[in-house]
Amino acid sequence: MKEDELHTLTETQKKARRSRSIAIGLGLAALVVIFYIATIIKFNPAILDRAM
């Protein structure tokens, strides 16, 4: 690696990166929950009509 390719992050940059990572993680988790709920709502009548 070249010397100019290495970057040292400041504490402010590290905190900003961590905050972005947490926000992306929470957004992804929310999307998963929304898709799960939408799937349950969509297939709920079909699940109840199946033979036991």
N, C-alpha and C. Protein backbone atom coordinates (compact mmCIF):
# COMPACT_ATOMS: atom_id res chain seq x y z
N MET A 1 0.84 -1.19 0.00
CA MET A 1 0.00 0.00 0.00
C MET A 1 0.88 1.24 0.00
N LYS A 2 0.43 2.20 -0.72
CA LYS A 2 1.15 3.47 -0.73
C LYS A 2 0.86 4.24 0.54
N GLU A 3 1.78 5.07 0.90
CA GLU A 3 1.63 5.86 2.12
C GLU A 3 0.43 6.79 2.05
N ASP A 4 0.12 7.35 0.88
CA ASP A 4 -0.99 8.30 0.78
C ASP A 4 -2.35 7.60 0.80
N GLU A 5 -2.39 6.26 0.70
CA GLU A 5 -3.65 5.53 0.75
C GLU A 5 -4.11 5.28 2.18
N LEU A 6 -3.20 5.39 3.15
CA LEU A 6 -3.55 5.16 4.54
C LEU A 6 -4.08 6.44 5.16
N HIS A 7 -5.21 6.31 5.87
CA HIS A 7 -5.81 7.48 6.52
C HIS A 7 -6.05 7.15 7.99
N THR A 8 -5.75 8.11 8.82
CA THR A 8 -6.03 7.98 10.24
C THR A 8 -7.28 8.80 10.54
N LEU A 9 -8.28 8.13 11.10
CA LEU A 9 -9.54 8.81 11.39
C LEU A 9 -9.45 9.52 12.74
N THR A 10 -10.06 10.68 12.79
CA THR A 10 -10.15 11.39 14.06
C THR A 10 -11.28 10.78 14.87
N GLU A 11 -11.35 11.15 16.14
CA GLU A 11 -12.42 10.63 17.00
C GLU A 11 -13.80 11.06 16.47
N THR A 12 -13.89 12.27 15.95
CA THR A 12 -15.15 12.75 15.40
C THR A 12 -15.57 11.91 14.20
N GLN A 13 -14.62 11.57 13.35
CA GLN A 13 -14.92 10.74 12.19
C GLN A 13 -15.32 9.32 12.60
N LYS A 14 -14.66 8.79 13.63
CA LYS A 14 -15.00 7.46 14.13
C LYS A 14 -16.42 7.44 14.69
N LYS A 15 -16.78 8.48 15.43
CA LYS A 15 -18.13 8.57 15.99
C LYS A 15 -19.17 8.70 14.89
N ALA A 16 -18.86 9.49 13.86
CA ALA A 16 -19.78 9.66 12.73
C ALA A 16 -19.95 8.35 11.99
N ARG A 17 -18.87 7.62 11.79
CA ARG A 17 -18.95 6.32 11.10
C ARG A 17 -19.78 5.33 11.91
N ARG A 18 -19.56 5.31 13.22
CA ARG A 18 -20.33 4.41 14.08
C ARG A 18 -21.81 4.78 14.07
N SER A 19 -22.11 6.07 14.11
CA SER A 19 -23.51 6.51 14.07
C SER A 19 -24.17 6.10 12.76
N ARG A 20 -23.46 6.25 11.65
CA ARG A 20 -24.00 5.83 10.35
C ARG A 20 -24.22 4.32 10.31
N SER A 21 -23.29 3.57 10.86
CA SER A 21 -23.42 2.11 10.88
C SER A 21 -24.63 1.68 11.71
N ILE A 22 -24.83 2.32 12.84
CA ILE A 22 -25.98 2.00 13.68
C ILE A 22 -27.27 2.37 12.96
N ALA A 23 -27.30 3.53 12.31
CA ALA A 23 -28.49 3.95 11.58
C ALA A 23 -28.81 3.00 10.44
N ILE A 24 -27.81 2.55 9.73
CA ILE A 24 -28.02 1.59 8.63
C ILE A 24 -28.53 0.27 9.20
N GLY A 25 -27.96 -0.18 10.29
CA GLY A 25 -28.40 -1.43 10.92
C GLY A 25 -29.85 -1.35 11.39
N LEU A 26 -30.21 -0.23 12.02
CA LEU A 26 -31.58 -0.06 12.48
C LEU A 26 -32.55 0.03 11.30
N GLY A 27 -32.14 0.71 10.25
CA GLY A 27 -32.99 0.80 9.05
C GLY A 27 -33.20 -0.57 8.42
N LEU A 28 -32.15 -1.36 8.36
CA LEU A 28 -32.25 -2.71 7.81
C LEU A 28 -33.15 -3.59 8.68
N ALA A 29 -33.00 -3.49 9.99
CA ALA A 29 -33.86 -4.26 10.91
C ALA A 29 -35.32 -3.85 10.75
N ALA A 30 -35.58 -2.55 10.62
CA ALA A 30 -36.95 -2.07 10.43
C ALA A 30 -37.54 -2.61 9.12
N LEU A 31 -36.73 -2.65 8.07
CA LEU A 31 -37.18 -3.17 6.79
C LEU A 31 -37.53 -4.65 6.89
N VAL A 32 -36.72 -5.41 7.60
CA VAL A 32 -37.00 -6.83 7.81
C VAL A 32 -38.32 -7.01 8.55
N VAL A 33 -38.54 -6.21 9.59
CA VAL A 33 -39.79 -6.30 10.37
C VAL A 33 -40.98 -5.93 9.49
N ILE A 34 -40.85 -4.90 8.68
CA ILE A 34 -41.95 -4.49 7.79
C ILE A 34 -42.28 -5.60 6.80
N PHE A 35 -41.26 -6.21 6.19
CA PHE A 35 -41.51 -7.31 5.25
C PHE A 35 -42.14 -8.50 5.96
N TYR A 36 -41.71 -8.80 7.18
CA TYR A 36 -42.28 -9.91 7.94
C TYR A 36 -43.76 -9.66 8.23
N ILE A 37 -44.07 -8.47 8.71
CA ILE A 37 -45.47 -8.14 9.01
C ILE A 37 -46.32 -8.16 7.75
N ALA A 38 -45.80 -7.61 6.66
CA ALA A 38 -46.54 -7.62 5.40
C ALA A 38 -46.80 -9.05 4.92
N THR A 39 -45.83 -9.94 5.09
CA THR A 39 -46.01 -11.33 4.69
C THR A 39 -47.06 -12.01 5.55
N ILE A 40 -47.04 -11.78 6.85
CA ILE A 40 -48.02 -12.37 7.75
C ILE A 40 -49.42 -11.86 7.40
N ILE A 41 -49.55 -10.57 7.13
CA ILE A 41 -50.86 -10.00 6.78
C ILE A 41 -51.34 -10.56 5.45
N LYS A 42 -50.45 -10.71 4.50
CA LYS A 42 -50.83 -11.19 3.17
C LYS A 42 -51.28 -12.65 3.20
N PHE A 43 -50.57 -13.51 3.94
CA PHE A 43 -50.85 -14.93 3.93
C PHE A 43 -51.72 -15.40 5.08
N ASN A 44 -52.13 -14.54 5.97
CA ASN A 44 -52.90 -14.95 7.13
C ASN A 44 -54.18 -15.70 6.77
N PRO A 45 -55.02 -15.22 5.86
CA PRO A 45 -56.23 -15.98 5.53
C PRO A 45 -55.91 -17.35 4.94
N ALA A 46 -54.90 -17.46 4.12
CA ALA A 46 -54.52 -18.74 3.52
C ALA A 46 -54.03 -19.71 4.58
N ILE A 47 -53.34 -19.24 5.58
CA ILE A 47 -52.85 -20.10 6.65
C ILE A 47 -54.00 -20.64 7.47
N LEU A 48 -55.02 -19.83 7.70
CA LEU A 48 -56.15 -20.26 8.50
C LEU A 48 -57.04 -21.27 7.78
N ASP A 49 -57.04 -21.29 6.44
CA ASP A 49 -57.91 -22.17 5.66
C ASP A 49 -57.31 -23.53 5.38
N ARG A 50 -56.12 -23.82 5.81
CA ARG A 50 -55.49 -25.08 5.49
C ARG A 50 -56.07 -26.22 6.34
N ALA A 51 -55.99 -27.42 5.82
CA ALA A 51 -56.49 -28.60 6.54
C ALA A 51 -55.50 -28.99 7.63
N MET A 52 -56.02 -29.41 8.74
CA MET A 52 -55.15 -29.80 9.84
C MET A 52 -55.06 -31.30 9.95
